[in-house]
Amino acid sequence: ANSPSFEDKAVLEFFETSGRNLLAAEKLAGVKHHIALS
């Protein structure tokens, strides 16, 4: 996933919020491999 906005504050909020939510859900689900495109 990529941020829909390239504005500084919006980009940071997107990647931090999305990242925290996704990784927390993965822990609960027992995901064995997280891959990110950077």
All heavy atoms as atom14 arrays in JSON, in Angstrom:
{
  "sequence": "ANSPSFEDKAVLEFFETSGRNLLAAEKLAGVKHHIALS",
  "atom14_mask": [
    [1, 1, 1, 1, 1, 0, 0, 0, 0, 0, 0, 0, 0, 0],
    [1, 1, 1, 1, 1, 1, 1, 1, 0, 0, 0, 0, 0, 0],
    [1, 1, 1, 1, 1, 1, 0, 0, 0, 0, 0, 0, 0, 0],
    [1, 1, 1, 1, 1, 1, 1, 0, 0, 0, 0, 0, 0, 0],
    [1, 1, 1, 1, 1, 1, 0, 0, 0, 0, 0, 0, 0, 0],
    [1, 1, 1, 1, 1, 1, 1, 1, 1, 1, 1, 0, 0, 0],
    [1, 1, 1, 1, 1, 1, 1, 1, 1, 0, 0, 0, 0, 0],
    [1, 1, 1, 1, 1, 1, 1, 1, 0, 0, 0, 0, 0, 0],
    [1, 1, 1, 1, 1, 1, 1, 1, 1, 0, 0, 0, 0, 0],
    [1, 1, 1, 1, 1, 0, 0, 0, 0, 0, 0, 0, 0, 0],
    [1, 1, 1, 1, 1, 1, 1, 0, 0, 0, 0, 0, 0, 0],
    [1, 1, 1, 1, 1, 1, 1, 1, 0, 0, 0, 0, 0, 0],
    [1, 1, 1, 1, 1, 1, 1, 1, 1, 0, 0, 0, 0, 0],
    [1, 1, 1, 1, 1, 1, 1, 1, 1, 1, 1, 0, 0, 0],
    [1, 1, 1, 1, 1, 1, 1, 1, 1, 1, 1, 0, 0, 0],
    [1, 1, 1, 1, 1, 1, 1, 1, 1, 0, 0, 0, 0, 0],
    [1, 1, 1, 1, 1, 1, 1, 0, 0, 0, 0, 0, 0, 0],
    [1, 1, 1, 1, 1, 1, 0, 0, 0, 0, 0, 0, 0, 0],
    [1, 1, 1, 1, 0, 0, 0, 0, 0, 0, 0, 0, 0, 0],
    [1, 1, 1, 1, 1, 1, 1, 1, 1, 1, 1, 0, 0, 0],
    [1, 1, 1, 1, 1, 1, 1, 1, 0, 0, 0, 0, 0, 0],
    [1, 1, 1, 1, 1, 1, 1, 1, 0, 0, 0, 0, 0, 0],
    [1, 1, 1, 1, 1, 1, 1, 1, 0, 0, 0, 0, 0, 0],
    [1, 1, 1, 1, 1, 0, 0, 0, 0, 0, 0, 0, 0, 0],
    [1, 1, 1, 1, 1, 0, 0, 0, 0, 0, 0, 0, 0, 0],
    [1, 1, 1, 1, 1, 1, 1, 1, 1, 0, 0, 0, 0, 0],
    [1, 1, 1, 1, 1, 1, 1, 1, 1, 0, 0, 0, 0, 0],
    [1, 1, 1, 1, 1, 1, 1, 1, 0, 0, 0, 0, 0, 0],
    [1, 1, 1, 1, 1, 0, 0, 0, 0, 0, 0, 0, 0, 0],
    [1, 1, 1, 1, 0, 0, 0, 0, 0, 0, 0, 0, 0, 0],
    [1, 1, 1, 1, 1, 1, 1, 0, 0, 0, 0, 0, 0, 0],
    [1, 1, 1, 1, 1, 1, 1, 1, 1, 0, 0, 0, 0, 0],
    [1, 1, 1, 1, 1, 1, 1, 1, 1, 1, 0, 0, 0, 0],
    [1, 1, 1, 1, 1, 1, 1, 1, 1, 1, 0, 0, 0, 0],
    [1, 1, 1, 1, 1, 1, 1, 1, 0, 0, 0, 0, 0, 0],
    [1, 1, 1, 1, 1, 0, 0, 0, 0, 0, 0, 0, 0, 0],
    [1, 1, 1, 1, 1, 1, 1, 1, 0, 0, 0, 0, 0, 0],
    [1, 1, 1, 1, 1, 1, 0, 0, 0, 0, 0, 0, 0, 0]
  ],
  "atom14_positions": [
    [[0.83, -1.2, 0.0], [0.0, 0.0, 0.0], [0.86, 1.26, 0.0], [1.98, 1.27, 0.54], [-0.92, 0.01, 1.21], [0.0, 0.0, 0.0], [0.0, 0.0, 0.0], [0.0, 0.0, 0.0], [0.0, 0.0, 0.0], [0.0, 0.0, 0.0], [0.0, 0.0, 0.0], [0.0, 0.0, 0.0], [0.0, 0.0, 0.0], [0.0, 0.0, 0.0]],
    [[0.33, 2.32, -0.61], [1.04, 3.59, -0.64], [0.14, 4.69, -0.13], [-1.09, 4.6, -0.22], [1.51, 3.92, -2.07], [2.7, 4.86, -2.09], [3.2, 5.28, -1.05], [3.15, 5.2, -3.28], [0.0, 0.0, 0.0], [0.0, 0.0, 0.0], [0.0, 0.0, 0.0], [0.0, 0.0, 0.0], [0.0, 0.0, 0.0], [0.0, 0.0, 0.0]],
    [[0.74, 5.73, 0.39], [-0.03, 6.85, 0.92], [-0.78, 7.56, -0.21], [-0.2, 7.85, -1.26], [0.9, 7.85, 1.62], [0.18, 9.0, 1.99], [0.0, 0.0, 0.0], [0.0, 0.0, 0.0], [0.0, 0.0, 0.0], [0.0, 0.0, 0.0], [0.0, 0.0, 0.0], [0.0, 0.0, 0.0], [0.0, 0.0, 0.0], [0.0, 0.0, 0.0]],
    [[-2.06, 7.86, -0.01], [-2.81, 8.59, -1.04], [-2.39, 10.06, -1.15], [-2.69, 10.72, -2.14], [-4.26, 8.47, -0.57], [-4.17, 8.24, 0.9], [-2.91, 7.47, 1.12], [0.0, 0.0, 0.0], [0.0, 0.0, 0.0], [0.0, 0.0, 0.0], [0.0, 0.0, 0.0], [0.0, 0.0, 0.0], [0.0, 0.0, 0.0], [0.0, 0.0, 0.0]],
    [[-1.69, 10.56, -0.14], [-1.22, 11.95, -0.15], [0.29, 11.97, 0.03], [0.85, 11.15, 0.76], [-1.87, 12.74, 0.98], [-1.23, 14.0, 1.15], [0.0, 0.0, 0.0], [0.0, 0.0, 0.0], [0.0, 0.0, 0.0], [0.0, 0.0, 0.0], [0.0, 0.0, 0.0], [0.0, 0.0, 0.0], [0.0, 0.0, 0.0], [0.0, 0.0, 0.0]],
    [[0.96, 12.9, -0.66], [2.41, 13.05, -0.51], [2.76, 14.23, 0.39], [3.92, 14.6, 0.52], [3.07, 13.21, -1.89], [3.34, 11.9, -2.58], [2.47, 10.83, -2.46], [4.47, 11.73, -3.36], [2.71, 9.63, -3.1], [4.73, 10.51, -4.0], [3.84, 9.46, -3.87], [0.0, 0.0, 0.0], [0.0, 0.0, 0.0], [0.0, 0.0, 0.0]],
    [[1.76, 14.83, 1.02], [1.99, 15.93, 1.95], [2.69, 15.37, 3.2], [2.34, 14.29, 3.7], [0.64, 16.57, 2.32], [0.75, 17.87, 3.12], [0.85, 17.62, 4.61], [0.17, 16.7, 5.11], [1.64, 18.33, 5.26], [0.0, 0.0, 0.0], [0.0, 0.0, 0.0], [0.0, 0.0, 0.0], [0.0, 0.0, 0.0], [0.0, 0.0, 0.0]],
    [[3.7, 16.09, 3.69], [4.59, 15.55, 4.72], [3.85, 14.9, 5.9], [4.11, 13.75, 6.26], [5.51, 16.67, 5.25], [6.58, 17.06, 4.25], [6.58, 16.51, 3.13], [7.42, 17.91, 4.59], [0.0, 0.0, 0.0], [0.0, 0.0, 0.0], [0.0, 0.0, 0.0], [0.0, 0.0, 0.0], [0.0, 0.0, 0.0], [0.0, 0.0, 0.0]],
    [[2.96, 15.65, 6.54], [2.28, 15.15, 7.74], [1.38, 13.96, 7.41], [1.35, 12.97, 8.14], [1.46, 16.3, 8.35], [0.82, 15.97, 9.7], [0.29, 17.25, 10.35], [-0.32, 16.97, 11.72], [-1.67, 16.38, 11.6], [0.0, 0.0, 0.0], [0.0, 0.0, 0.0], [0.0, 0.0, 0.0], [0.0, 0.0, 0.0], [0.0, 0.0, 0.0]],
    [[0.68, 14.05, 6.28], [-0.26, 12.99, 5.89], [0.48, 11.69, 5.59], [0.02, 10.59, 5.94], [-1.08, 13.43, 4.69], [0.0, 0.0, 0.0], [0.0, 0.0, 0.0], [0.0, 0.0, 0.0], [0.0, 0.0, 0.0], [0.0, 0.0, 0.0], [0.0, 0.0, 0.0], [0.0, 0.0, 0.0], [0.0, 0.0, 0.0], [0.0, 0.0, 0.0]],
    [[1.64, 11.79, 4.93], [2.43, 10.6, 4.6], [2.89, 9.9, 5.87], [2.77, 8.68, 6.02], [3.64, 10.96, 3.72], [4.61, 9.79, 3.63], [3.2, 11.35, 2.33], [0.0, 0.0, 0.0], [0.0, 0.0, 0.0], [0.0, 0.0, 0.0], [0.0, 0.0, 0.0], [0.0, 0.0, 0.0], [0.0, 0.0, 0.0], [0.0, 0.0, 0.0]],
    [[3.43, 10.67, 6.8], [3.93, 10.08, 8.04], [2.8, 9.41, 8.81], [2.94, 8.28, 9.3], [4.6, 11.16, 8.9], [5.27, 10.66, 10.19], [6.39, 9.67, 9.87], [5.8, 11.83, 11.01], [0.0, 0.0, 0.0], [0.0, 0.0, 0.0], [0.0, 0.0, 0.0], [0.0, 0.0, 0.0], [0.0, 0.0, 0.0], [0.0, 0.0, 0.0]],
    [[1.66, 10.09, 8.91], [0.52, 9.52, 9.63], [0.03, 8.24, 8.95], [-0.32, 7.26, 9.62], [-0.62, 10.54, 9.71], [-0.34, 11.67, 10.69], [-1.47, 12.68, 10.76], [-2.43, 12.57, 9.98], [-1.4, 13.58, 11.63], [0.0, 0.0, 0.0], [0.0, 0.0, 0.0], [0.0, 0.0, 0.0], [0.0, 0.0, 0.0], [0.0, 0.0, 0.0]],
    [[0.03, 8.23, 7.62], [-0.43, 7.04, 6.9], [0.46, 5.84, 7.21], [-0.03, 4.78, 7.61], [-0.45, 7.28, 5.39], [-0.81, 6.04, 4.6], [-2.12, 5.71, 4.36], [0.19, 5.19, 4.13], [-2.46, 4.55, 3.66], [-0.14, 4.02, 3.42], [-1.46, 3.72, 3.19], [0.0, 0.0, 0.0], [0.0, 0.0, 0.0], [0.0, 0.0, 0.0]],
    [[1.76, 5.99, 7.03], [2.65, 4.84, 7.19], [2.74, 4.39, 8.65], [2.85, 3.19, 8.92], [4.03, 5.15, 6.62], [4.06, 5.09, 5.11], [4.44, 6.2, 4.37], [3.72, 3.93, 4.44], [4.47, 6.15, 2.98], [3.74, 3.87, 3.05], [4.11, 4.98, 2.32], [0.0, 0.0, 0.0], [0.0, 0.0, 0.0], [0.0, 0.0, 0.0]],
    [[2.69, 5.34, 9.6], [2.74, 4.95, 11.01], [1.44, 4.26, 11.44], [1.47, 3.21, 12.09], [3.02, 6.17, 11.88], [4.46, 6.66, 11.77], [4.81, 7.72, 12.79], [3.91, 8.46, 13.22], [6.0, 7.81, 13.15], [0.0, 0.0, 0.0], [0.0, 0.0, 0.0], [0.0, 0.0, 0.0], [0.0, 0.0, 0.0], [0.0, 0.0, 0.0]],
    [[0.3, 4.84, 11.1], [-0.98, 4.26, 11.51], [-1.22, 2.92, 10.83], [-1.58, 1.92, 11.47], [-2.14, 5.22, 11.18], [-1.9, 6.47, 11.83], [-3.46, 4.66, 11.64], [0.0, 0.0, 0.0], [0.0, 0.0, 0.0], [0.0, 0.0, 0.0], [0.0, 0.0, 0.0], [0.0, 0.0, 0.0], [0.0, 0.0, 0.0], [0.0, 0.0, 0.0]],
    [[-1.01, 2.89, 9.52], [-1.21, 1.66, 8.77], [-0.26, 0.56, 9.27], [-0.67, -0.59, 9.48], [-0.97, 1.92, 7.28], [-1.08, 0.73, 6.53], [0.0, 0.0, 0.0], [0.0, 0.0, 0.0], [0.0, 0.0, 0.0], [0.0, 0.0, 0.0], [0.0, 0.0, 0.0], [0.0, 0.0, 0.0], [0.0, 0.0, 0.0], [0.0, 0.0, 0.0]],
    [[0.99, 0.94, 9.48], [1.98, -0.03, 9.93], [1.63, -0.62, 11.29], [1.69, -1.84, 11.49], [0.0, 0.0, 0.0], [0.0, 0.0, 0.0], [0.0, 0.0, 0.0], [0.0, 0.0, 0.0], [0.0, 0.0, 0.0], [0.0, 0.0, 0.0], [0.0, 0.0, 0.0], [0.0, 0.0, 0.0], [0.0, 0.0, 0.0], [0.0, 0.0, 0.0]],
    [[1.26, 0.24, 12.24], [0.93, -0.24, 13.58], [-0.28, -1.18, 13.56], [-0.28, -2.25, 14.18], [0.65, 0.94, 14.52], [1.9, 1.71, 14.93], [1.61, 2.64, 16.11], [2.79, 3.4, 16.46], [3.01, 4.66, 16.1], [2.1, 5.3, 15.37], [4.11, 5.29, 16.46], [0.0, 0.0, 0.0], [0.0, 0.0, 0.0], [0.0, 0.0, 0.0]],
    [[-1.33, -0.76, 12.85], [-2.55, -1.57, 12.79], [-2.29, -2.92, 12.12], [-2.76, -3.96, 12.59], [-3.65, -0.83, 12.03], [-4.22, 0.34, 12.83], [-4.06, 0.41, 14.04], [-4.89, 1.24, 12.15], [0.0, 0.0, 0.0], [0.0, 0.0, 0.0], [0.0, 0.0, 0.0], [0.0, 0.0, 0.0], [0.0, 0.0, 0.0], [0.0, 0.0, 0.0]],
    [[-1.56, -2.89, 11.02], [-1.31, -4.12, 10.28], [-0.44, -5.09, 11.07], [-0.75, -6.28, 11.18], [-0.64, -3.78, 8.94], [-0.34, -4.95, 8.0], [-1.6, -5.74, 7.69], [0.31, -4.44, 6.72], [0.0, 0.0, 0.0], [0.0, 0.0, 0.0], [0.0, 0.0, 0.0], [0.0, 0.0, 0.0], [0.0, 0.0, 0.0], [0.0, 0.0, 0.0]],
    [[0.63, -4.59, 11.67], [1.53, -5.47, 12.42], [0.85, -6.04, 13.67], [1.07, -7.2, 14.02], [2.8, -4.7, 12.79], [3.7, -4.35, 11.59], [4.71, -3.27, 11.97], [4.42, -5.58, 11.06], [0.0, 0.0, 0.0], [0.0, 0.0, 0.0], [0.0, 0.0, 0.0], [0.0, 0.0, 0.0], [0.0, 0.0, 0.0], [0.0, 0.0, 0.0]],
    [[0.01, -5.24, 14.32], [-0.72, -5.73, 15.49], [-1.68, -6.85, 15.09], [-1.79, -7.88, 15.78], [-1.49, -4.59, 16.15], [0.0, 0.0, 0.0], [0.0, 0.0, 0.0], [0.0, 0.0, 0.0], [0.0, 0.0, 0.0], [0.0, 0.0, 0.0], [0.0, 0.0, 0.0], [0.0, 0.0, 0.0], [0.0, 0.0, 0.0], [0.0, 0.0, 0.0]],
    [[-2.37, -6.67, 13.96], [-3.29, -7.7, 13.48], [-2.54, -8.97, 13.07], [-3.02, -10.09, 13.26], [-4.11, -7.16, 12.32], [0.0, 0.0, 0.0], [0.0, 0.0, 0.0], [0.0, 0.0, 0.0], [0.0, 0.0, 0.0], [0.0, 0.0, 0.0], [0.0, 0.0, 0.0], [0.0, 0.0, 0.0], [0.0, 0.0, 0.0], [0.0, 0.0, 0.0]],
    [[-1.36, -8.79, 12.5], [-0.55, -9.94, 12.09], [-0.1, -10.76, 13.31], [-0.08, -11.99, 13.27], [0.66, -9.48, 11.29], [0.33, -9.01, 9.88], [1.56, -8.54, 9.12], [2.66, -9.05, 9.41], [1.42, -7.68, 8.25], [0.0, 0.0, 0.0], [0.0, 0.0, 0.0], [0.0, 0.0, 0.0], [0.0, 0.0, 0.0], [0.0, 0.0, 0.0]],
    [[0.26, -10.07, 14.39], [0.67, -10.78, 15.6], [-0.46, -11.66, 16.12], [-0.26, -12.83, 16.48], [1.11, -9.77, 16.68], [2.54, -9.33, 16.55], [3.0, -8.62, 17.81], [4.49, -8.33, 17.75], [5.0, -7.67, 18.97], [0.0, 0.0, 0.0], [0.0, 0.0, 0.0], [0.0, 0.0, 0.0], [0.0, 0.0, 0.0], [0.0, 0.0, 0.0]],
    [[-1.66, -11.1, 16.15], [-2.82, -11.85, 16.64], [-3.13, -13.03, 15.73], [-3.58, -14.08, 16.19], [-4.05, -10.93, 16.73], [-3.99, -9.86, 17.83], [-5.19, -8.92, 17.72], [-3.96, -10.52, 19.21], [0.0, 0.0, 0.0], [0.0, 0.0, 0.0], [0.0, 0.0, 0.0], [0.0, 0.0, 0.0], [0.0, 0.0, 0.0], [0.0, 0.0, 0.0]],
    [[-2.89, -12.87, 14.44], [-3.21, -13.93, 13.47], [-2.1, -14.97, 13.34], [-2.29, -16.0, 12.69], [-3.49, -13.31, 12.11], [0.0, 0.0, 0.0], [0.0, 0.0, 0.0], [0.0, 0.0, 0.0], [0.0, 0.0, 0.0], [0.0, 0.0, 0.0], [0.0, 0.0, 0.0], [0.0, 0.0, 0.0], [0.0, 0.0, 0.0], [0.0, 0.0, 0.0]],
    [[-0.93, -14.68, 13.91], [0.18, -15.62, 13.82], [0.87, -15.64, 12.47], [1.4, -16.68, 12.04], [0.0, 0.0, 0.0], [0.0, 0.0, 0.0], [0.0, 0.0, 0.0], [0.0, 0.0, 0.0], [0.0, 0.0, 0.0], [0.0, 0.0, 0.0], [0.0, 0.0, 0.0], [0.0, 0.0, 0.0], [0.0, 0.0, 0.0], [0.0, 0.0, 0.0]],
    [[0.88, -14.5, 11.79], [1.53, -14.4, 10.49], [3.03, -14.7, 10.63], [3.68, -14.23, 11.56], [1.31, -13.0, 9.87], [2.19, -12.78, 8.65], [-0.17, -12.83, 9.5], [0.0, 0.0, 0.0], [0.0, 0.0, 0.0], [0.0, 0.0, 0.0], [0.0, 0.0, 0.0], [0.0, 0.0, 0.0], [0.0, 0.0, 0.0], [0.0, 0.0, 0.0]],
    [[3.57, -15.46, 9.68], [4.95, -15.94, 9.8], [5.95, -15.11, 8.98], [7.16, -15.28, 9.14], [5.03, -17.4, 9.36], [4.23, -18.35, 10.25], [4.36, -19.78, 9.75], [3.7, -20.77, 10.69], [2.24, -20.56, 10.8], [0.0, 0.0, 0.0], [0.0, 0.0, 0.0], [0.0, 0.0, 0.0], [0.0, 0.0, 0.0], [0.0, 0.0, 0.0]],
    [[5.46, -14.25, 8.08], [6.39, -13.48, 7.24], [5.71, -12.19, 6.79], [4.7, -12.23, 6.08], [6.81, -14.31, 6.01], [7.91, -13.72, 5.2], [8.35, -14.29, 4.01], [8.69, -12.61, 5.37], [9.34, -13.57, 3.5], [9.55, -12.54, 4.31], [0.0, 0.0, 0.0], [0.0, 0.0, 0.0], [0.0, 0.0, 0.0], [0.0, 0.0, 0.0]],
    [[6.27, -11.07, 7.21], [5.77, -9.75, 6.79], [6.75, -9.19, 5.76], [7.95, -9.11, 6.0], [5.69, -8.79, 7.98], [5.27, -7.41, 7.61], [3.96, -6.99, 7.66], [5.98, -6.34, 7.16], [3.88, -5.73, 7.25], [5.1, -5.31, 6.95], [0.0, 0.0, 0.0], [0.0, 0.0, 0.0], [0.0, 0.0, 0.0], [0.0, 0.0, 0.0]],
    [[6.19, -8.79, 4.62], [7.02, -8.26, 3.53], [6.53, -6.86, 3.19], [5.32, -6.63, 3.05], [6.91, -9.15, 2.27], [7.36, -10.57, 2.6], [7.74, -8.57, 1.12], [6.81, -11.62, 1.65], [0.0, 0.0, 0.0], [0.0, 0.0, 0.0], [0.0, 0.0, 0.0], [0.0, 0.0, 0.0], [0.0, 0.0, 0.0], [0.0, 0.0, 0.0]],
    [[7.44, -5.92, 3.09], [7.06, -4.55, 2.73], [7.9, -4.07, 1.57], [9.1, -4.35, 1.48], [7.25, -3.62, 3.93], [0.0, 0.0, 0.0], [0.0, 0.0, 0.0], [0.0, 0.0, 0.0], [0.0, 0.0, 0.0], [0.0, 0.0, 0.0], [0.0, 0.0, 0.0], [0.0, 0.0, 0.0], [0.0, 0.0, 0.0], [0.0, 0.0, 0.0]],
    [[7.24, -3.35, 0.68], [7.94, -2.73, -0.45], [8.28, -1.29, -0.08], [7.4, -0.5, 0.23], [7.04, -2.76, -1.69], [7.63, -2.18, -2.98], [8.9, -2.91, -3.39], [6.6, -2.25, -4.1], [0.0, 0.0, 0.0], [0.0, 0.0, 0.0], [0.0, 0.0, 0.0], [0.0, 0.0, 0.0], [0.0, 0.0, 0.0], [0.0, 0.0, 0.0]],
    [[9.56, -0.98, -0.11], [10.03, 0.37, 0.21], [10.92, 0.85, -0.94], [10.86, 0.32, -2.04], [10.74, 0.38, 1.56], [10.93, 1.71, 2.02], [0.0, 0.0, 0.0], [0.0, 0.0, 0.0], [0.0, 0.0, 0.0], [0.0, 0.0, 0.0], [0.0, 0.0, 0.0], [0.0, 0.0, 0.0], [0.0, 0.0, 0.0], [0.0, 0.0, 0.0]]
  ]
}
